[in-house]
Protein backbone atom coordinates (compact mmCIF):
# COMPACT_ATOMS: atom_id res chain seq x y z
CA MET A 1 14.06 -12.21 1.98
CA TYR A 2 12.58 -8.98 3.68
CA GLU A 3 16.20 -7.46 3.64
CA GLN A 4 16.51 -8.23 0.01
CA PHE A 5 13.02 -6.83 -0.53
CA ARG A 6 13.94 -3.93 1.55
CA ALA A 7 17.11 -2.90 -0.28
CA LYS A 8 15.40 -3.27 -3.83
CA ALA A 9 12.19 -1.03 -2.52
CA VAL A 10 14.28 1.60 -0.85
CA GLY A 11 16.29 1.70 -4.20
CA VAL A 12 13.59 2.88 -6.17
CA GLY A 13 12.22 5.12 -3.92
CA ALA A 14 10.07 3.25 -1.10
CA GLU A 15 9.88 3.58 2.35
CA VAL A 16 9.84 0.63 4.34
CA TYR A 17 9.07 -0.41 7.79
CA ARG A 18 8.16 -3.57 9.66
CA PHE A 19 6.22 -4.47 12.88
CA GLU A 20 5.66 -7.62 14.75
CA THR A 21 2.19 -6.83 15.44
CA LYS A 22 -1.06 -4.93 13.98
CA ARG A 23 -1.21 -2.71 16.77
CA GLU A 24 2.25 -1.63 16.25
CA ALA A 25 1.58 -1.04 12.75
CA LEU A 26 -1.35 1.23 13.80
CA ASP A 27 0.74 2.81 16.13
CA PHE A 28 3.05 3.84 13.21
CA VAL A 29 0.55 4.65 10.52
CA LEU A 30 -2.03 6.82 12.61
CA PRO A 31 0.59 9.35 14.08
CA PHE A 32 2.13 9.34 10.29
CA LEU A 33 -1.24 10.37 8.83
CA GLU A 34 -1.43 13.04 11.43
CA LYS A 35 2.30 14.23 10.84
CA GLU A 36 1.72 14.54 7.27
CA GLY A 37 -1.46 16.59 7.28
CA LEU A 38 -4.51 14.21 7.55
CA ALA A 39 -7.58 16.66 8.18
CA ASP A 40 -11.23 16.61 7.41
CA ALA A 41 -10.91 18.51 4.11
CA PRO A 42 -10.49 17.76 0.38
CA GLY A 43 -6.63 17.20 -0.18
CA SER A 44 -6.06 15.94 3.42
CA TYR A 45 -8.55 12.87 3.44
CA ALA A 46 -6.92 9.14 4.05
CA VAL A 47 -9.13 6.30 2.37
CA TRP A 48 -8.56 3.09 3.67
CA ALA A 49 -9.85 0.07 1.27
CA ASP A 50 -11.41 -2.94 3.45
CA SER A 51 -8.58 -5.58 4.13
CA PRO A 52 -7.97 -8.29 6.57
CA PHE A 53 -5.73 -6.19 8.36
CA LEU A 54 -8.79 -4.32 9.55
CA ASP A 55 -10.26 -7.57 10.79
CA GLY A 56 -10.57 -6.93 14.88
CA LEU A 57 -10.20 -3.45 14.80
CA ASP A 58 -12.59 -0.97 16.36
CA LEU A 59 -13.55 0.81 13.18
CA LYS A 60 -15.92 3.36 14.91
CA ALA A 61 -12.83 4.50 17.08
CA LEU A 62 -10.58 4.93 14.08
CA GLN A 63 -13.37 6.92 12.24
CA GLN A 64 -13.08 9.59 15.06
CA LEU A 65 -9.92 10.66 13.59
CA PRO A 66 -10.80 13.54 11.63
CA GLY A 67 -10.19 12.76 7.85
CA LEU A 68 -9.91 9.05 7.83
CA ARG A 69 -12.67 7.45 5.81
CA PHE A 70 -13.52 3.85 4.93
CA ASP A 71 -16.34 4.51 2.59
CA VAL A 72 -14.03 4.47 -0.57
CA SER A 73 -15.34 5.92 -3.62
CA ARG A 74 -14.10 7.78 -6.93
CA GLN A 75 -14.60 11.09 -5.89
CA LEU A 76 -13.44 10.76 -2.45
CA SER A 77 -10.23 8.80 -3.68
CA SER A 78 -9.58 11.87 -5.95
CA GLN A 79 -9.53 14.39 -3.17
CA ALA A 80 -7.59 12.07 -0.57
CA LYS A 81 -4.17 12.61 0.27
CA PHE A 82 -3.63 9.42 1.46
CA GLY A 83 -4.47 5.77 0.51
CA ILE A 84 -4.20 2.85 2.43
CA SER A 85 -4.57 -0.90 1.08
CA GLN A 86 -3.35 -4.28 1.85
CA MET A 87 -1.10 -6.23 -0.68
CA GLU A 88 -1.10 -9.92 -1.28
CA TRP A 89 2.85 -10.34 -1.99
CA ALA A 90 6.02 -8.75 -2.06
CA VAL A 91 8.74 -9.80 -4.58
CA ALA A 92 12.14 -9.59 -3.12
CA ASP A 93 14.25 -9.81 -6.12
CA THR A 94 12.39 -6.68 -7.45
CA GLY A 95 11.15 -4.81 -4.44
CA SER A 96 7.63 -4.76 -5.76
CA LEU A 97 4.62 -5.25 -4.30
CA VAL A 98 1.74 -7.19 -6.03
CA GLN A 99 -2.11 -7.12 -5.46
CA ASP A 100 -5.38 -8.28 -6.93
CA GLN A 101 -7.18 -5.31 -7.72
CA SER A 102 -10.29 -6.87 -9.01
CA ALA A 103 -12.04 -4.74 -6.16
CA ALA A 104 -12.17 -1.12 -7.69
CA GLU A 105 -11.62 0.49 -4.08
CA GLN A 106 -8.09 -1.47 -4.06
CA ARG A 107 -7.05 0.55 -7.49
CA LEU A 108 -8.57 3.87 -6.18
CA VAL A 109 -6.46 3.96 -3.16
CA SER A 110 -3.33 3.14 -4.41
CA SER A 111 -3.47 5.23 -7.64
CA LEU A 112 -5.16 8.30 -7.06
CA THR A 113 -3.77 9.37 -3.94
CA GLU A 114 -0.50 11.56 -3.14
CA ILE A 115 0.81 9.09 -0.56
CA HIS A 116 -0.06 5.21 -0.60
CA ILE A 117 0.39 3.28 2.36
CA ALA A 118 0.60 -0.70 1.53
CA LEU A 119 0.39 -3.09 4.18
CA ILE A 120 1.50 -6.63 3.92
CA ALA A 121 2.15 -9.84 5.91
CA THR A 122 5.67 -10.32 6.14
CA GLY A 123 5.23 -14.06 5.41
CA ASN A 124 4.09 -13.05 1.98
CA ILE A 125 7.32 -12.03 0.57
CA VAL A 126 8.49 -14.48 -2.44
CA ALA A 127 11.90 -14.45 -3.91
CA GLY A 128 11.10 -13.47 -7.52
CA LYS A 129 8.38 -13.64 -9.98
CA ALA A 130 8.49 -17.62 -10.73
CA PRO A 131 7.27 -18.39 -7.31
CA LEU A 132 4.72 -15.68 -7.52
CA PHE A 133 3.15 -16.86 -10.49
CA ALA A 134 3.01 -20.47 -8.96
CA ARG A 135 0.85 -18.90 -6.33
CA ILE A 136 -1.58 -16.61 -8.41
CA ASN A 137 -4.80 -18.19 -9.90
CA PRO A 138 -5.93 -16.64 -13.04
CA LYS A 139 -9.26 -17.72 -12.66
CA THR A 140 -9.74 -15.77 -9.31
CA SER A 141 -7.27 -12.92 -9.79
CA ARG A 142 -8.71 -10.64 -12.82
CA TYR A 143 -6.79 -7.80 -12.39
CA ILE A 144 -3.08 -8.03 -10.94
CA ALA A 145 -1.09 -4.98 -10.24
CA PHE A 146 2.72 -4.78 -9.86
CA ILE A 147 3.88 -1.65 -7.88
CA THR A 148 7.49 -0.72 -7.54
CA GLY A 149 8.12 2.35 -5.78
CA PRO A 150 6.38 5.91 -6.28
CA SER A 151 4.80 6.62 -9.67
CA ARG A 152 7.57 7.80 -11.81
CA THR A 153 7.84 8.85 -15.95
CA ALA A 154 10.44 10.69 -17.98
CA ASP A 155 9.29 12.58 -20.79
CA ILE A 156 11.04 12.90 -24.18
CA GLU A 157 13.83 14.97 -22.85
CA ARG A 158 14.39 12.16 -20.08
CA VAL A 159 13.21 14.33 -17.21
CA LEU A 160 12.33 12.28 -14.33
CA THR A 161 9.13 13.28 -12.56
CA ILE A 162 7.67 11.78 -9.47
CA GLY A 163 3.84 11.25 -8.90
CA VAL A 164 2.38 12.13 -12.25
CA HIS A 165 0.37 8.94 -12.95
CA GLY A 166 0.07 7.68 -9.31
CA PRO A 167 1.29 8.23 -5.50
CA GLN A 168 4.43 10.46 -5.01
CA ARG A 169 5.36 8.50 -1.88
CA LEU A 170 5.12 4.80 -1.34
CA ILE A 171 4.95 3.65 2.28
CA ILE A 172 5.47 -0.09 2.60
CA VAL A 173 4.22 -1.69 6.25
CA PHE A 174 5.21 -5.19 6.83
CA VAL A 175 3.28 -7.09 9.67
CA ASP A 176 4.80 -10.10 11.04
CA GLU A 177 1.36 -11.02 13.04
CA LEU A 178 -0.71 -11.03 9.93
CA GLY A 179 0.80 -14.28 8.85
CA GLY A 180 0.70 -14.74 5.28
CA GLU A 181 2.21 -18.00 3.42
CA ARG A 182 5.74 -19.09 5.07
CA LEU A 183 8.01 -19.86 2.09
């Protein structure tokens, strides 16, 4: 299902990568941030929402990277270039990511930044919406967001514009080691 998801997501403008371990994913994400202009200045911050991906990582060492922040707020997110969050599901037949965004920090990092880096367990790819909805509990998932590619809109003249209502780029990073629900 990964290849199907990848084809659909790339087709709508996302960039998709896959790594076996969290370490390999981190070795991709950190140089990516630096290459794309991470700095300790407004317009260049990276805000990283709390997630299981961070479990076991040395956050103090990561905070030594100028501009990388874990204290997500509305103000900081609006001044950040990068937002990093972990998604719960990936839907293969649409190339969409799905996240319970009940926590405000999840919404802030995935919608206010120019570049959204979405981390996801490879094992949480579902074939379509029906198997996804069978796994979502409406009693505990109050704010579900579907993300399909970078933000896009077309005005009345049908001129496509990327990044008006959200990130201009969506970087999806699958991590096999994160496990997930094997389907």
